[in-house]
Structures are given as structure tokens and as C-alpha cells.
Amino acid sequence: MRFATYELDGTARAAVVSDDGLHDLPTTVLDLVRTGLPAALEAGGAALRGPAVPLDRVRLLPPLSPPSIRDFVAFEEHVEGVVMSVSGGSGVPPEWYEAPTFYFTNPHALLGAHDDVPVPPGSRLFDFELEVAAVVGRDGASLTPEQARDALFGYTVLNDWSARDLQRREMRVNLGPAKGKDSATTLGPWLVTADELEPFRDDEGFLDLAMRVSVNGTEVGHDRLANMGWPFEELVAYASRGTWVRAGDVLGSGTCGNGGCLAELWGRRGAQDPPPLRPGDVVEMTVEGIGTTRNTVVPGTDLPPVRPARPRRRTR
């Protein structure tokens, strides 16, 4: 089943998606997630008996408003290319293999599947990142991977828009990413429940979904979700290690390899080929079994430069 949040005539509504369109739900998608998958499927089935609003009449919003967003870096090939581009190094750090790595990103900067995306202030190296995100379906702490798999509610497409020039500066301070990542994150077009994607699970427990991204109609990258270093249940288990994950939390897979972002290609090719995103560029992402997002890059807010730090005084 697919759950969505949409805007029509200035009002946001939750819905279940069918071939006919959007069938309204009496609650938010986040509240539906918190009821658990069985109850959500029952509510969705009841809503499908109601009238449908055609998709072409609405603006799709992010499927839910998550309490938090953790974004992992679970594709080895992506790490290899981006290390060359962002930090000037080579190879995959040995520490990557030891455990999943993630950072917290901004849950207040979410955009819908077809929203315009402004260039972050001061950035000249704007980039996309093709990912899949899992949504946790119930609260839990120090979960085993088996428990975490049972706690997965569903999946959506995630585009972790990145200002690579801002990110490079931040990473040299050995902290971040921060402003290089928090201007925009696309989630959408809807939230597909976990049961819908079980037929795609391979013999090793990974979801084997085709992932593709194009810029202005030209394919830039493609990969398979099964190339992750860890399946989603292990990412959720690690996120809950010694702490809590909550129903509605979003966990990104990290960017896929083979051109899942421009920075990976820049690192491998030693040149900005393809070039950074510019206003007017259209980025389209499709993940098998989930759906397609299509965002247009637009000019961002023109802000004054950031004031540098005052040198430390030597007197006490």
C-alpha cells in the first residue's frame, strides 16, 4: 500500500494512493505509522472505498513529518568516489567497514516529489544524491536486526541535496556535514509499505531495487539497492544501539554508487563532469517498486557572506 500527503486548495491531507488517485485518510501519515503496519493497512483499505482526488490536481508533500532523519553512507562505491572529490583522499577508509556511519540531517527542510529546490546561499557546487529511505514503524531501543526488520513500516525515495563546496570546508574541521546538507531533502513521492517490497528481497536479505537518476533527461547514474553494505534492518539496529528509534524516524541508505551523485563522478574523473547543478536543471529519480521524484533547481536566497571568526585574544 502507498500512503501520501498532499496539498489541495491550501490544505494538507493524508491519503492512500490507488490507480484512481488519492483517497483521504482521517489522520496524518505520521500518526498512521505510529499505529503500526497492520492497523495502517486496515485504515488504508477502508479509505480506498471512498472517492479519489486525481493526482494531477494536487501538490505532493513529503509523505510524513518525521521526528528525526538519520542519513547513512552504506554504498562502498559511493564512498570511494566521494572521498576523492570532497576530501582529496583515495580509497575507502578502513573504518567504513567496521560499522554503519550516519549523520543527523534537518527534518524541517523537507520538500515534496515535484517541488522546486533552491540553490543554498553561497554554493556554486550544488549536487543531488540518489537514496532510498526506510521509515521506522514502532519505538525501540537496542534492537536486534531481526527485531528491527519487524519494526520497518515502509520505504520512500530520498534525495539528499548537497552543497559540496560548503561540505568540503565543514569536513576539514572534522565535524559535519552541516550547512552543506541541511538546505533541502526531497522525500517522496509516497511511502510504500514494507510488505509491498518483500518480493524484491534477495537471498542475502537485501532489497534488490533498480535505482536511476537523470539530469535534464540524460541519465547520469544507476545502481541497485542490493549493493548496500548492510540491509536496512542492520542500519535500524545500529541506530537504536544504546538509544531509541521512534515510530516515524527516517533512515536514509546513503547515496548509491555508479553516478548516484555528481561528486562521485567528479572524484573518479578528476573534473566537474557533469557540471554542478544550476537553476533550470531538472533532476529526476526513479526507484523500482517505489516511484519517481522530479525536482527543478531554482535560484536561492542571496545573502551576505558569513563573517569569519575573530582571532583569539591572548590575554586573560
Protein backbone atom coordinates (compact mmCIF):
# COMPACT_ATOMS: atom_id res chain seq x y z
CA MET A 1 0.00 0.00 0.00
CA ARG A 2 1.14 3.56 -0.68
CA PHE A 3 0.49 6.47 1.69
CA ALA A 4 0.91 10.11 0.70
CA THR A 5 0.47 13.62 1.99
CA TYR A 6 -0.79 16.23 -0.43
CA GLU A 7 -1.90 19.85 -0.60
CA LEU A 8 -5.11 20.96 -2.28
CA ASP A 9 -6.60 24.46 -2.02
CA GLY A 10 -4.12 25.36 0.71
CA THR A 11 -4.97 22.38 2.94
CA ALA A 12 -2.67 19.43 3.66
CA ARG A 13 -4.30 15.99 3.74
CA ALA A 14 -3.15 12.41 4.15
CA ALA A 15 -4.27 9.75 1.71
CA VAL A 16 -3.83 6.24 0.45
CA VAL A 17 -2.84 6.04 -3.23
CA SER A 18 -4.58 3.98 -5.89
CA ASP A 19 -4.61 3.94 -9.68
CA ASP A 20 -7.57 6.31 -9.47
CA GLY A 21 -5.78 8.90 -7.31
CA LEU A 22 -5.71 9.85 -3.63
CA HIS A 23 -8.26 8.61 -1.11
CA ASP A 24 -8.37 10.76 2.03
CA LEU A 25 -7.48 9.40 5.47
CA PRO A 26 -8.84 10.84 8.74
CA THR A 27 -5.35 11.19 10.24
CA THR A 28 -1.78 12.15 9.32
CA VAL A 29 0.64 9.65 7.81
CA LEU A 30 2.89 10.01 10.87
CA ASP A 31 0.02 9.12 13.20
CA LEU A 32 -0.85 6.23 10.90
CA VAL A 33 2.72 4.94 11.10
CA ARG A 34 2.54 5.13 14.88
CA THR A 35 -0.47 2.80 14.89
CA GLY A 36 1.67 0.06 13.33
CA LEU A 37 1.60 -1.56 9.91
CA PRO A 38 -1.39 -3.93 10.42
CA ALA A 39 -3.66 -1.12 11.65
CA ALA A 40 -2.40 1.21 8.91
CA LEU A 41 -3.19 -1.34 6.20
CA GLU A 42 -6.68 -1.76 7.63
CA ALA A 43 -7.23 2.02 7.67
CA GLY A 44 -5.90 2.29 4.14
CA GLY A 45 -8.22 -0.43 2.91
CA ALA A 46 -11.20 1.40 4.39
CA ALA A 47 -10.11 4.68 2.78
CA LEU A 48 -9.86 3.05 -0.64
CA ARG A 49 -13.64 2.64 -0.61
CA GLY A 50 -14.03 6.42 -0.62
CA PRO A 51 -13.77 8.90 -3.53
CA ALA A 52 -10.42 9.70 -5.15
CA VAL A 53 -8.76 13.03 -5.91
CA PRO A 54 -6.78 12.89 -9.19
CA LEU A 55 -3.02 13.21 -8.74
CA ASP A 56 -2.76 15.94 -11.35
CA ARG A 57 -4.88 18.27 -9.20
CA VAL A 58 -2.62 18.28 -6.14
CA ARG A 59 0.84 19.15 -4.88
CA LEU A 60 2.53 16.12 -3.33
CA LEU A 61 4.16 16.98 0.00
CA PRO A 62 6.76 14.84 1.78
CA PRO A 63 4.86 11.67 2.79
CA LEU A 64 5.31 12.35 6.52
CA SER A 65 6.88 14.76 9.01
CA PRO A 66 9.49 12.56 10.71
CA PRO A 67 10.72 13.14 14.28
CA SER A 68 14.30 12.71 13.04
CA ILE A 69 16.29 11.87 9.90
CA ARG A 70 19.47 9.81 10.03
CA ASP A 71 21.34 9.52 6.75
CA PHE A 72 23.77 6.62 6.42
CA VAL A 73 26.59 6.06 3.95
CA ALA A 74 26.01 2.41 3.09
CA PHE A 75 27.33 2.15 -0.50
CA GLU A 76 31.04 1.34 -0.75
CA GLU A 77 31.34 2.55 -4.35
CA HIS A 78 29.90 5.95 -3.43
CA VAL A 79 32.36 6.35 -0.56
CA GLU A 80 35.29 5.54 -2.81
CA GLY A 81 34.40 8.22 -5.36
CA VAL A 82 33.33 10.94 -2.93
CA VAL A 83 36.45 10.60 -0.78
CA MET A 84 38.44 11.63 -3.85
CA SER A 85 36.13 14.55 -4.59
CA VAL A 86 35.30 16.00 -1.19
CA SER A 87 38.39 15.32 0.94
CA GLY A 88 41.06 14.75 -1.70
CA GLY A 89 41.88 11.27 -0.39
CA SER A 90 41.78 7.91 -2.10
CA GLY A 91 40.22 4.57 -1.31
CA VAL A 92 37.60 3.66 1.27
CA PRO A 93 38.58 4.40 4.89
CA PRO A 94 39.05 1.10 6.79
CA GLU A 95 36.71 2.42 9.47
CA TRP A 96 33.81 2.39 6.98
CA TYR A 97 33.79 -1.42 7.02
CA GLU A 98 33.64 -1.66 10.81
CA ALA A 99 30.12 -0.31 11.36
CA PRO A 100 27.44 1.76 9.60
CA THR A 101 28.05 5.52 9.71
CA PHE A 102 25.35 8.20 9.70
CA TYR A 103 24.69 11.84 10.46
CA PHE A 104 21.52 13.62 11.56
CA THR A 105 20.04 15.96 8.96
CA ASN A 106 17.36 18.63 9.08
CA PRO A 107 13.74 17.36 9.35
CA HIS A 108 12.47 20.93 8.80
CA ALA A 109 13.91 21.23 5.28
CA LEU A 110 11.87 18.53 3.55
CA LEU A 111 10.49 19.03 0.05
CA GLY A 112 7.92 17.11 -1.96
CA ALA A 113 8.43 14.96 -5.03
CA HIS A 114 7.88 17.78 -7.53
CA ASP A 115 8.84 20.87 -5.53
CA ASP A 116 11.40 23.41 -6.75
CA VAL A 117 14.77 23.23 -4.98
CA PRO A 118 16.65 26.50 -4.28
CA VAL A 119 20.44 26.57 -4.51
CA PRO A 120 21.83 27.01 -0.96
CA PRO A 121 23.18 30.50 -0.20
CA GLY A 122 26.79 30.85 -1.28
CA SER A 123 27.05 27.48 -3.03
CA ARG A 124 28.49 27.00 -6.51
CA LEU A 125 28.84 23.21 -6.35
CA PHE A 126 25.26 22.00 -5.90
CA ASP A 127 24.63 18.26 -6.16
CA PHE A 128 21.91 15.62 -5.85
CA GLU A 129 22.15 12.25 -4.06
CA LEU A 130 20.02 9.26 -5.03
CA GLU A 131 18.91 7.24 -1.99
CA VAL A 132 16.14 5.10 -0.55
CA ALA A 133 14.86 5.83 2.95
CA ALA A 134 13.28 3.42 5.41
CA VAL A 135 10.65 4.57 7.90
CA VAL A 136 10.56 3.01 11.35
CA GLY A 137 7.13 1.71 12.38
CA ARG A 138 7.45 1.49 16.15
CA ASP A 139 9.59 2.68 19.03
CA GLY A 140 12.52 0.54 20.10
CA ALA A 141 15.92 0.56 21.80
CA SER A 142 18.96 -1.68 21.24
CA LEU A 143 17.05 -3.72 18.69
CA THR A 144 18.43 -6.87 17.12
CA PRO A 145 18.42 -6.89 13.30
CA GLU A 146 15.51 -9.35 13.44
CA GLN A 147 13.51 -7.03 15.69
CA ALA A 148 14.45 -4.07 13.51
CA ARG A 149 13.19 -5.82 10.38
CA ASP A 150 9.83 -6.37 12.04
CA ALA A 151 9.79 -2.68 13.00
CA LEU A 152 10.18 -1.39 9.42
CA PHE A 153 6.99 0.31 8.21
CA GLY A 154 7.94 1.24 4.66
CA TYR A 155 10.19 2.97 2.16
CA THR A 156 10.38 6.14 0.07
CA VAL A 157 12.80 7.85 -2.34
CA LEU A 158 15.23 10.29 -0.70
CA ASN A 159 17.30 12.96 -2.46
CA ASP A 160 19.94 14.37 -0.10
CA TRP A 161 20.68 17.67 -1.91
CA SER A 162 24.27 18.72 -1.16
CA ALA A 163 26.31 21.92 -1.39
CA ARG A 164 29.69 20.30 -1.99
CA ASP A 165 31.76 23.47 -1.55
CA LEU A 166 30.22 24.16 1.86
CA GLN A 167 30.58 20.49 2.77
CA ARG A 168 34.30 20.45 1.89
CA ARG A 169 35.01 23.31 4.29
CA GLU A 170 32.99 21.72 7.08
CA MET A 171 34.63 18.31 6.73
CA ARG A 172 38.10 19.84 7.08
CA VAL A 173 37.10 20.86 10.62
CA ASN A 174 36.35 17.17 11.30
CA LEU A 175 32.74 17.95 12.10
CA GLY A 176 29.67 17.79 9.96
CA PRO A 177 28.30 17.79 7.37
CA ALA A 178 26.09 20.67 8.46
CA LYS A 179 25.14 23.60 6.18
CA GLY A 180 26.43 21.59 3.23
CA LYS A 181 23.45 19.28 3.66
CA ASP A 182 20.57 20.95 5.51
CA SER A 183 19.02 23.24 2.89
CA ALA A 184 16.77 20.64 1.26
CA THR A 185 15.90 16.95 1.30
CA THR A 186 13.32 15.50 -1.06
CA LEU A 187 11.11 12.66 0.21
CA GLY A 188 8.53 11.04 -2.00
CA PRO A 189 6.51 10.57 -3.96
CA TRP A 190 4.85 8.44 -1.26
CA LEU A 191 5.55 5.93 1.46
CA VAL A 192 5.37 2.32 0.21
CA THR A 193 4.64 -0.21 2.95
CA ALA A 194 7.26 -2.86 3.65
CA ASP A 195 5.04 -5.77 2.62
CA GLU A 196 4.84 -4.37 -0.92
CA LEU A 197 8.61 -4.68 -1.38
CA GLU A 198 9.15 -8.13 0.16
CA PRO A 199 9.06 -9.80 -3.29
CA PHE A 200 12.21 -7.80 -4.16
CA ARG A 201 14.25 -9.25 -1.26
CA ASP A 202 17.23 -11.34 -2.43
CA ASP A 203 18.80 -14.44 -0.88
CA GLU A 204 21.04 -12.32 1.38
CA GLY A 205 18.14 -10.27 2.74
CA PHE A 206 18.74 -7.12 0.69
CA LEU A 207 16.02 -5.32 -1.25
CA ASP A 208 17.10 -5.57 -4.90
CA LEU A 209 15.58 -2.47 -6.48
CA ALA A 210 16.81 -0.66 -9.61
CA MET A 211 17.74 3.00 -8.95
CA ARG A 212 18.18 5.63 -11.67
CA VAL A 213 18.82 9.38 -11.83
CA SER A 214 18.82 11.77 -14.77
CA VAL A 215 19.54 15.48 -15.23
CA ASN A 216 17.58 17.28 -17.96
CA GLY A 217 16.54 13.95 -19.42
CA THR A 218 20.05 12.46 -19.63
CA GLU A 219 20.79 9.52 -17.36
CA VAL A 220 23.70 10.26 -15.03
CA GLY A 221 23.72 7.21 -12.78
CA HIS A 222 22.12 3.87 -12.00
CA ASP A 223 22.67 1.20 -9.37
CA ARG A 224 20.82 -1.44 -7.38
CA LEU A 225 19.77 -1.03 -3.76
CA ALA A 226 21.11 -4.53 -3.06
CA ASN A 227 24.64 -3.10 -3.38
CA MET A 228 24.35 -1.62 0.13
CA GLY A 229 26.96 -2.83 2.60
CA TRP A 230 24.26 -3.54 5.19
CA PRO A 231 20.50 -4.20 4.81
CA PHE A 232 18.10 -1.70 6.34
CA GLU A 233 17.38 -3.80 9.42
CA GLU A 234 21.06 -3.61 10.38
CA LEU A 235 21.03 0.17 9.91
CA VAL A 236 18.00 0.45 12.18
CA ALA A 237 19.57 -1.87 14.75
CA TYR A 238 22.75 0.21 14.77
CA ALA A 239 20.80 3.46 15.06
CA SER A 240 18.99 2.03 18.10
CA ARG A 241 22.18 0.75 19.71
CA GLY A 242 22.22 2.11 23.28
CA THR A 243 19.42 4.58 22.46
CA TRP A 244 15.96 4.88 20.93
CA VAL A 245 14.48 5.00 17.47
CA ARG A 246 10.91 6.27 17.28
CA ALA A 247 8.00 5.46 15.01
CA GLY A 248 8.25 7.77 12.01
CA ASP A 249 12.03 8.15 12.13
CA VAL A 250 13.56 8.21 8.63
CA LEU A 251 16.83 6.39 7.88
CA GLY A 252 18.48 7.04 4.53
CA SER A 253 20.50 4.37 2.76
CA GLY A 254 23.14 6.83 1.71
CA THR A 255 23.85 7.58 -1.92
CA CYS A 256 24.10 4.68 -4.34
CA GLY A 257 27.18 4.13 -6.48
CA ASN A 258 27.77 4.39 -10.23
CA GLY A 259 26.78 8.03 -10.55
CA GLY A 260 24.29 8.30 -7.70
CA CYS A 261 25.66 11.83 -7.24
CA LEU A 262 27.85 14.22 -9.21
CA ALA A 263 30.63 14.35 -6.60
CA GLU A 264 31.37 10.66 -7.04
CA LEU A 265 31.84 11.18 -10.78
CA TRP A 266 33.97 14.29 -10.18
CA GLY A 267 36.25 12.29 -7.93
CA ARG A 268 36.67 9.44 -10.38
CA ARG A 269 37.10 11.64 -13.46
CA GLY A 270 39.20 14.37 -11.88
CA ALA A 271 36.95 17.03 -13.40
CA GLN A 272 33.50 18.53 -12.85
CA ASP A 273 31.91 16.34 -15.49
CA PRO A 274 28.88 16.54 -15.49
CA PRO A 275 28.88 20.13 -14.19
CA PRO A 276 27.34 21.23 -10.88
CA LEU A 277 23.60 21.81 -10.86
CA ARG A 278 22.37 25.22 -11.99
CA PRO A 279 18.96 26.93 -11.86
CA GLY A 280 16.72 25.40 -14.51
CA ASP A 281 18.19 21.89 -14.21
CA VAL A 282 15.63 19.13 -13.69
CA VAL A 283 16.66 16.13 -11.58
CA GLU A 284 14.54 13.01 -11.90
CA MET A 285 14.98 9.92 -9.71
CA THR A 286 13.21 6.58 -10.07
CA VAL A 287 13.40 3.63 -7.70
CA GLU A 288 11.79 0.37 -8.76
CA GLY A 289 8.75 -0.52 -6.69
CA ILE A 290 8.56 2.93 -5.08
CA GLY A 291 8.18 5.71 -7.64
CA THR A 292 9.68 8.84 -9.18
CA THR A 293 10.64 12.30 -7.93
CA ARG A 294 11.20 15.20 -10.31
CA ASN A 295 12.59 18.46 -8.93
CA THR A 296 13.66 21.66 -10.69
CA VAL A 297 16.62 23.64 -9.34
CA VAL A 298 15.85 27.35 -8.87
CA PRO A 299 17.91 30.36 -7.67
CA GLY A 300 18.39 30.55 -3.93
CA THR A 301 18.30 33.41 -1.47
CA ASP A 302 21.05 35.98 -1.97
CA LEU A 303 22.59 36.51 1.48
CA PRO A 304 25.71 38.43 2.61
CA PRO A 305 28.90 36.42 3.19
CA VAL A 306 29.41 34.71 6.54
CA ARG A 307 31.62 36.74 8.89
CA PRO A 308 34.88 34.89 9.71
CA ALA A 309 35.89 34.18 13.30
CA ARG A 310 37.64 36.84 15.39
CA PRO A 311 41.21 35.74 16.22
CA ARG A 312 41.53 34.51 19.79
CA ARG A 313 42.76 37.07 22.28
CA ARG A 314 46.00 36.14 24.05
CA THR A 315 45.25 37.97 27.26
CA ARG A 316 43.29 36.52 30.20
